Amino acid sequence: MRVLFTPLSGVGHAYPMVPLAWALRAAGHDVTFFAGRNIDIERAGFPVVDPPLPVQTTVEEELPRIREEAPQLLESMAHLTDEEILALKPMAIAPWTRFVDPIVEAALEVRPDLIVYDPVFPAGLITASLLDVPAVGHGYMLLRVTPELAREAAAPAFERWGAELPKKIATLEVGPRSLMEPGESTWHSRFVPYNGGGQLPAWLHEPIGRPRVAVTLGTVAPVTTGTGRFTRILDQISGIDAEFALTMTAEAATALGPLPGNVRITGWVPLLQLLRTCSAVIHHGGSGTMFTSCVAGLPQMSVPAGADNDYNARRLAEYGSGLLRLADDVDAAAIEQLLIDDTLRRAARQLAAEMAQERTPAQLVNDITALLAS
């Protein structure tokens, strides 16, 4: 079976698909990614096709345009209700329709037997319809984006190709079931973190004699909101007896000025391996970072700033395994709570245990291949 993966060209969209792609290839299937440039999916061992797209192709590169067209998506949503946040989902689909045509054209040449598509990027749905092959929507967040919503939000792209929804569609979610937006999916899989490979530094497993806290704002948040939130966090930690591992390069960290003595600049380290050595994590509320932190069983502080971050942070706080703070409200007392609050820690471990009970991507392969035969 030839399987084509068509994520939006962004780390947070493409990386969550890698474990399923591994499972399908281990079962003997031919897997190809249309991942765009700068995503490095080839490091995961897959052939990658980079169709000719407009100059701006990655999520990060497109952010200035998105800020102009749909500024609500990149601003804090703390003032919005959950219902108002959910109502913005069509805005997360429409900006990417300009990339549909070259992807569809290239995919038609590949002629896959099955397409695994990104719910907010309709190119895979359109291609599956035109080829009359099954499509599997691979979720990567707590928000649910149905094929019907994608069809409605991307109507001009569907109409350009004379396409409707494919006859055979399935949906797969990987977020923690207890936190997901209410709704149904065809399958639910365990979230298996993939953060890219790399040499693990020697310091990662050296004893430090005090707790370690990971601090990461992901790949998109620093572009949309700058490094100011890092600065606010750093202002609060100098008096805390812990090491704070800041996941950025030394070059990028120069923008932060002099750092407290208890801060370590990590450079690139696979996130899960870093979190395995930590007692807590502070992050932006992005789905991939949050899900990986959930797998690690850590108390989390979310400092959200747009996209799905606010919704994620609320669900985690409601569950009891995380704290939600706006950037200006981060203080030393809240950071110390992450390290000493046993209620947070028990809830975090419970959530990790729940996630571990889900089926693995490998256990879904037979169901996916059966969709082709149905």
Protein backbone atom coordinates (compact mmCIF):
# COMPACT_ATOMS: atom_id res chain seq x y z
CA MET A 1 0.00 0.00 0.00
CA ARG A 2 1.32 3.45 -0.93
CA VAL A 3 0.58 5.95 1.84
CA LEU A 4 1.01 9.68 1.43
CA PHE A 5 1.19 12.03 4.44
CA THR A 6 0.21 15.65 3.74
CA PRO A 7 0.79 17.77 6.85
CA LEU A 8 0.87 21.52 6.83
CA SER A 9 4.50 22.58 6.61
CA GLY A 10 5.15 23.11 10.31
CA VAL A 11 6.87 21.09 13.02
CA GLY A 12 3.75 21.01 15.20
CA HIS A 13 1.72 19.59 12.30
CA ALA A 14 4.20 17.13 10.79
CA TYR A 15 5.99 15.65 13.80
CA PRO A 16 2.89 14.11 15.45
CA MET A 17 2.36 12.05 12.27
CA VAL A 18 5.78 10.39 12.39
CA PRO A 19 4.93 7.53 14.82
CA LEU A 20 2.01 6.39 12.64
CA ALA A 21 4.23 6.63 9.56
CA TRP A 22 6.83 4.47 11.32
CA ALA A 23 4.16 1.92 12.20
CA LEU A 24 2.87 1.72 8.63
CA ARG A 25 6.33 1.34 7.16
CA ALA A 26 7.29 -1.30 9.74
CA ALA A 27 4.22 -3.22 8.55
CA GLY A 28 5.63 -3.17 5.02
CA HIS A 29 3.85 -0.20 3.50
CA ASP A 30 5.41 2.46 1.27
CA VAL A 31 5.31 5.83 3.05
CA THR A 32 6.02 9.26 1.57
CA PHE A 33 5.68 12.74 3.08
CA PHE A 34 4.77 16.00 1.39
CA ALA A 35 6.23 18.06 4.21
CA GLY A 36 7.69 21.15 2.60
CA ARG A 37 11.13 22.48 3.25
CA ASN A 38 12.77 23.13 6.63
CA ILE A 39 10.73 20.51 8.50
CA ASP A 40 13.42 17.77 8.45
CA ILE A 41 11.01 14.84 8.25
CA GLU A 42 13.72 13.08 6.26
CA ARG A 43 15.64 12.80 9.55
CA ALA A 44 12.87 10.45 10.68
CA GLY A 45 13.81 8.16 7.78
CA PHE A 46 11.16 8.98 5.17
CA PRO A 47 11.33 10.11 1.57
CA VAL A 48 10.04 13.67 1.37
CA VAL A 49 8.61 15.42 -1.68
CA ASP A 50 8.84 19.21 -1.64
CA PRO A 51 6.33 20.41 -4.26
CA PRO A 52 6.85 23.84 -5.80
CA LEU A 53 5.10 26.25 -3.47
CA PRO A 54 5.08 30.04 -3.04
CA VAL A 55 8.26 31.43 -1.49
CA GLN A 56 6.73 31.53 1.97
CA THR A 57 5.97 27.91 2.79
CA THR A 58 6.40 27.06 6.46
CA VAL A 59 4.00 27.95 9.23
CA GLU A 60 6.62 30.20 10.81
CA GLU A 61 7.30 32.00 7.52
CA GLU A 62 3.61 32.58 6.95
CA LEU A 63 2.95 34.19 10.34
CA PRO A 64 3.24 37.82 9.15
CA ARG A 65 0.55 37.16 6.52
CA ILE A 66 -1.64 35.33 9.03
CA ARG A 67 -1.27 38.23 11.46
CA GLU A 68 -2.69 40.55 8.79
CA GLU A 69 -5.50 38.25 7.61
CA ALA A 70 -6.60 36.73 10.93
CA PRO A 71 -4.91 38.56 13.83
CA GLN A 72 -7.27 36.89 16.32
CA LEU A 73 -5.43 33.60 15.84
CA LEU A 74 -2.09 34.97 17.04
CA GLU A 75 -3.27 37.02 20.00
CA SER A 76 -4.09 36.02 23.54
CA MET A 77 -7.54 34.47 23.79
CA ALA A 78 -7.77 34.82 27.55
CA HIS A 79 -10.73 37.18 27.15
CA LEU A 80 -12.68 34.70 25.00
CA THR A 81 -15.02 31.97 26.15
CA ASP A 82 -14.38 28.39 25.07
CA GLU A 83 -17.24 28.70 22.59
CA GLU A 84 -15.69 31.82 21.07
CA ILE A 85 -12.33 30.05 20.73
CA LEU A 86 -13.97 27.07 19.04
CA ALA A 87 -15.76 29.41 16.63
CA LEU A 88 -12.36 30.55 15.30
CA LYS A 89 -11.51 27.12 13.89
CA PRO A 90 -12.50 28.01 10.30
CA MET A 91 -9.96 30.85 10.46
CA ALA A 92 -7.25 28.27 11.11
CA ILE A 93 -8.11 26.49 7.84
CA ALA A 94 -8.77 29.26 5.33
CA PRO A 95 -5.26 30.82 5.26
CA TRP A 96 -3.67 27.62 3.99
CA THR A 97 -5.87 27.09 0.94
CA ARG A 98 -3.40 29.05 -1.21
CA PHE A 99 -1.01 26.08 -0.90
CA VAL A 100 -3.54 23.45 -1.94
CA ASP A 101 -3.09 23.44 -5.72
CA PRO A 102 0.63 22.54 -6.03
CA ILE A 103 0.25 19.84 -3.37
CA VAL A 104 -2.75 18.30 -5.14
CA GLU A 105 -0.99 18.41 -8.50
CA ALA A 106 2.08 16.63 -7.10
CA ALA A 107 -0.01 14.13 -5.12
CA LEU A 108 -1.96 13.15 -8.21
CA GLU A 109 1.35 12.16 -9.79
CA VAL A 110 2.27 9.97 -6.80
CA ARG A 111 -1.13 8.22 -6.93
CA PRO A 112 -1.22 6.94 -3.34
CA ASP A 113 -3.61 4.23 -2.17
CA LEU A 114 -4.35 6.11 1.06
CA ILE A 115 -3.75 9.65 2.29
CA VAL A 116 -3.12 10.73 5.88
CA TYR A 117 -3.99 14.41 5.96
CA ASP A 118 -3.71 17.35 8.31
CA PRO A 119 -7.22 18.37 9.45
CA VAL A 120 -6.53 22.09 8.90
CA PHE A 121 -4.88 21.58 5.49
CA PRO A 122 -7.42 20.29 2.94
CA ALA A 123 -5.00 19.31 0.14
CA GLY A 124 -5.07 15.66 1.24
CA LEU A 125 -8.86 15.56 1.37
CA ILE A 126 -9.13 17.01 -2.12
CA THR A 127 -6.56 14.60 -3.54
CA ALA A 128 -8.24 11.59 -1.92
CA SER A 129 -11.55 12.66 -3.45
CA LEU A 130 -10.06 13.04 -6.92
CA LEU A 131 -8.29 9.67 -6.75
CA ASP A 132 -11.21 7.96 -4.97
CA VAL A 133 -8.95 6.65 -2.19
CA PRO A 134 -9.49 6.67 1.59
CA ALA A 135 -8.37 9.63 3.70
CA VAL A 136 -7.41 9.56 7.39
CA GLY A 137 -7.42 12.86 9.25
CA HIS A 138 -4.58 12.83 11.77
CA GLY A 139 -5.39 15.15 14.67
CA TYR A 140 -2.59 16.77 16.64
CA MET A 141 -4.37 19.00 19.15
CA LEU A 142 -7.27 19.06 21.62
CA LEU A 143 -9.53 20.89 19.17
CA ARG A 144 -11.40 18.70 16.70
CA VAL A 145 -11.57 19.69 13.04
CA THR A 146 -14.06 17.53 11.17
CA PRO A 147 -13.85 16.85 7.42
CA GLU A 148 -17.14 18.71 7.03
CA LEU A 149 -15.69 21.80 8.70
CA ALA A 150 -12.60 21.62 6.48
CA ARG A 151 -14.83 21.34 3.40
CA GLU A 152 -16.81 24.40 4.43
CA ALA A 153 -13.83 26.56 5.41
CA ALA A 154 -11.87 25.65 2.26
CA ALA A 155 -14.81 25.75 -0.14
CA PRO A 156 -12.97 27.74 -2.88
CA ALA A 157 -10.19 25.12 -3.04
CA PHE A 158 -12.66 22.24 -3.30
CA GLU A 159 -14.60 24.07 -5.97
CA ARG A 160 -11.49 24.84 -8.03
CA TRP A 161 -10.87 21.11 -8.28
CA GLY A 162 -14.49 20.07 -8.59
CA ALA A 163 -14.03 17.90 -5.50
CA GLU A 164 -16.24 16.86 -2.62
CA LEU A 165 -15.29 14.89 0.47
CA PRO A 166 -13.84 11.41 -0.21
CA LYS A 167 -16.20 8.46 0.07
CA LYS A 168 -14.04 6.81 2.73
CA ILE A 169 -12.88 9.06 5.57
CA ALA A 170 -11.63 8.20 9.05
CA THR A 171 -10.36 10.42 11.84
CA LEU A 172 -7.59 9.73 14.34
CA GLU A 173 -6.98 11.72 17.52
CA VAL A 174 -3.84 11.50 19.67
CA GLY A 175 -4.53 14.07 22.39
CA PRO A 176 -5.24 13.01 25.97
CA ARG A 177 -8.79 11.74 25.87
CA SER A 178 -9.69 13.43 29.18
CA LEU A 179 -8.75 16.84 27.78
CA MET A 180 -10.12 16.62 24.22
CA GLU A 181 -12.88 18.86 22.91
CA PRO A 182 -16.11 16.82 23.12
CA GLY A 183 -16.82 14.88 19.96
CA GLU A 184 -16.26 11.60 18.19
CA SER A 185 -13.40 10.18 16.16
CA THR A 186 -12.93 6.89 14.33
CA TRP A 187 -9.84 5.96 16.34
CA HIS A 188 -7.90 7.25 19.32
CA SER A 189 -4.21 6.49 19.60
CA ARG A 190 -1.58 6.94 22.27
CA PHE A 191 0.49 10.08 21.73
CA VAL A 192 4.04 8.92 21.00
CA PRO A 193 6.38 11.93 21.16
CA TYR A 194 8.65 12.57 18.22
CA ASN A 195 10.87 15.61 18.66
CA GLY A 196 13.59 14.82 16.15
CA GLY A 197 16.72 12.83 16.78
CA GLY A 198 20.04 14.11 18.04
CA GLN A 199 23.09 13.47 20.15
CA LEU A 200 22.18 13.67 23.84
CA PRO A 201 24.55 15.96 25.75
CA ALA A 202 26.53 14.51 28.65
CA TRP A 203 25.10 17.02 31.13
CA LEU A 204 21.59 15.67 30.62
CA HIS A 205 22.12 12.75 32.99
CA GLU A 206 24.72 14.22 35.31
CA PRO A 207 23.45 14.67 38.90
CA ILE A 208 22.74 18.30 39.74
CA GLY A 209 21.53 17.97 43.34
CA ARG A 210 18.37 20.02 42.81
CA PRO A 211 15.23 19.90 40.67
CA ARG A 212 15.37 20.81 36.98
CA VAL A 213 12.55 22.75 35.27
CA ALA A 214 12.27 22.85 31.48
CA VAL A 215 11.29 26.19 29.96
CA THR A 216 10.17 26.12 26.32
CA LEU A 217 7.96 28.34 24.21
CA GLY A 218 7.95 26.13 21.11
CA THR A 219 8.78 27.09 17.52
CA VAL A 220 5.92 29.49 16.74
CA ALA A 221 5.36 31.49 19.94
CA PRO A 222 8.76 33.27 19.94
CA VAL A 223 8.01 34.43 16.38
CA THR A 224 4.51 35.69 17.21
CA THR A 225 5.12 37.20 20.66
CA GLY A 226 8.88 37.68 20.82
CA THR A 227 11.04 36.79 23.80
CA GLY A 228 9.30 39.02 26.33
CA ARG A 229 7.59 36.12 28.06
CA PHE A 230 10.95 34.44 28.54
CA THR A 231 12.18 37.63 30.19
CA ARG A 232 9.24 37.72 32.59
CA ILE A 233 9.85 34.10 33.60
CA LEU A 234 13.57 34.64 34.02
CA ASP A 235 12.94 37.64 36.27
CA GLN A 236 11.16 35.33 38.72
CA ILE A 237 13.54 32.39 39.00
CA SER A 238 16.84 33.68 40.29
CA GLY A 239 15.91 32.95 43.91
CA ILE A 240 14.47 29.47 43.31
CA ASP A 241 16.64 26.48 44.20
CA ALA A 242 16.32 24.69 40.87
CA GLU A 243 18.01 24.54 37.49
CA PHE A 244 15.99 26.04 34.65
CA ALA A 245 16.72 24.45 31.27
CA LEU A 246 15.92 26.99 28.56
CA THR A 247 15.35 25.26 25.22
CA MET A 248 16.91 27.73 22.83
CA THR A 249 20.25 28.24 21.17
CA ALA A 250 22.99 30.29 22.78
CA GLU A 251 22.73 32.72 19.86
CA ALA A 252 19.00 33.25 20.39
CA ALA A 253 19.51 33.61 24.14
CA THR A 254 21.69 36.69 23.65
CA ALA A 255 18.48 38.66 23.07
CA LEU A 256 17.52 37.95 26.69
CA GLY A 257 20.52 39.75 28.17
CA PRO A 258 22.35 38.52 31.30
CA LEU A 259 20.82 35.31 32.64
CA PRO A 260 20.42 34.16 36.25
CA GLY A 261 23.06 31.70 37.42
CA ASN A 262 20.53 28.87 37.69
CA VAL A 263 19.67 28.94 33.95
CA ARG A 264 21.10 26.44 31.47
CA ILE A 265 20.80 27.08 27.73
CA THR A 266 20.21 23.64 26.25
CA GLY A 267 20.39 24.15 22.51
CA TRP A 268 18.60 21.38 20.59
CA VAL A 269 17.71 18.42 22.81
CA PRO A 270 14.85 16.00 22.01
CA LEU A 271 12.14 17.31 24.31
CA LEU A 272 11.00 14.06 25.91
CA GLN A 273 14.56 13.11 26.83
CA LEU A 274 14.99 16.50 28.51
CA LEU A 275 11.67 16.22 30.33
CA ARG A 276 12.59 12.78 31.68
CA THR A 277 15.24 14.55 33.78
CA CYS A 278 12.90 17.35 34.95
CA SER A 279 10.51 17.85 37.86
CA ALA A 280 8.26 20.35 36.05
CA VAL A 281 7.89 22.27 32.79
CA ILE A 282 6.90 25.81 31.82
CA HIS A 283 5.64 26.21 28.26
CA HIS A 284 3.37 28.12 25.87
CA GLY A 285 0.49 25.65 25.77
CA GLY A 286 1.24 24.31 22.29
CA SER A 287 -0.22 20.87 21.67
CA GLY A 288 2.98 18.96 20.88
CA THR A 289 4.84 20.41 23.86
CA MET A 290 1.90 19.89 26.20
CA PHE A 291 1.22 16.30 25.08
CA THR A 292 4.91 15.42 25.46
CA SER A 293 4.90 16.93 28.94
CA CYS A 294 1.80 14.87 29.75
CA VAL A 295 3.56 11.68 28.63
CA ALA A 296 6.45 12.59 30.94
CA GLY A 297 3.99 12.90 33.85
CA LEU A 298 5.09 16.40 34.83
CA PRO A 299 3.25 19.31 36.45
CA GLN A 300 3.01 22.07 33.87
CA MET A 301 2.63 25.83 33.78
CA SER A 302 1.14 27.13 30.54
CA VAL A 303 1.72 30.74 29.49
CA PRO A 304 -0.50 30.85 26.37
CA ALA A 305 -0.57 33.42 23.59
CA GLY A 306 -3.00 32.57 20.81
CA ALA A 307 -3.72 29.65 18.45
CA ASP A 308 -4.97 26.65 20.45
CA ASN A 309 -2.76 27.51 23.44
CA ASP A 310 -5.42 29.10 25.63
CA TYR A 311 -7.88 26.25 25.11
CA ASN A 312 -5.16 23.70 25.91
CA ALA A 313 -4.06 25.53 29.04
CA ARG A 314 -7.62 25.69 30.37
CA ARG A 315 -8.21 21.98 29.89
CA LEU A 316 -4.97 21.10 31.66
CA ALA A 317 -5.76 23.39 34.59
CA GLU A 318 -9.27 21.94 34.87
CA TYR A 319 -7.82 18.44 34.97
CA GLY A 320 -5.61 19.51 37.85
CA SER A 321 -2.16 18.77 36.45
CA GLY A 322 -1.25 22.27 35.33
CA LEU A 323 -1.30 25.95 36.15
CA LEU A 324 -2.49 28.66 33.77
CA ARG A 325 -0.80 32.04 33.92
CA LEU A 326 -0.82 35.04 31.65
CA ALA A 327 2.64 36.38 30.88
CA ASP A 328 2.33 39.30 33.30
CA ASP A 329 1.07 37.03 36.09
CA VAL A 330 3.98 34.59 36.21
CA ASP A 331 5.61 34.82 39.63
CA ALA A 332 8.07 32.89 41.76
CA ALA A 333 5.33 31.52 44.01
CA ALA A 334 3.57 29.83 41.09
CA ILE A 335 6.82 28.39 39.77
CA GLU A 336 7.67 27.01 43.20
CA GLN A 337 4.16 25.51 43.39
CA LEU A 338 5.04 23.36 40.39
CA LEU A 339 7.86 21.84 42.45
CA ILE A 340 6.10 21.30 45.77
CA ASP A 341 2.39 20.74 45.05
CA ASP A 342 1.72 17.02 45.42
CA THR A 343 -1.82 17.42 44.07
CA LEU A 344 -0.47 18.70 40.76
CA ARG A 345 2.08 15.89 40.64
CA ARG A 346 -0.45 13.14 41.36
CA ALA A 347 -2.81 14.46 38.67
CA ALA A 348 0.08 14.65 36.18
CA ARG A 349 1.01 11.04 36.83
CA GLN A 350 -2.62 9.96 36.55
CA LEU A 351 -2.92 11.66 33.16
CA ALA A 352 0.27 9.98 31.94
CA ALA A 353 -1.10 6.60 33.06
CA GLU A 354 -4.38 7.23 31.19
CA MET A 355 -2.51 8.09 28.00
CA ALA A 356 -0.39 4.94 28.28
CA GLN A 357 -3.56 2.83 28.17
CA GLU A 358 -4.41 3.97 24.63
CA ARG A 359 -3.57 1.78 21.65
CA THR A 360 -0.23 2.42 20.01
CA PRO A 361 0.05 3.52 16.37
CA ALA A 362 1.29 0.02 15.54
CA GLN A 363 -1.94 -1.44 16.93
CA LEU A 364 -3.97 0.75 14.54
CA VAL A 365 -2.30 -0.45 11.34
CA ASN A 366 -4.75 -3.30 10.72
CA ASP A 367 -7.71 -0.97 11.19
CA ILE A 368 -6.24 1.50 8.72
CA THR A 369 -5.54 -1.12 6.08
CA ALA A 370 -9.04 -2.52 6.58
CA LEU A 371 -10.39 0.92 5.62
CA LEU A 372 -8.77 0.46 2.22
CA ALA A 373 -10.39 -2.92 1.76
CA SER A 374 -13.86 -1.90 2.94
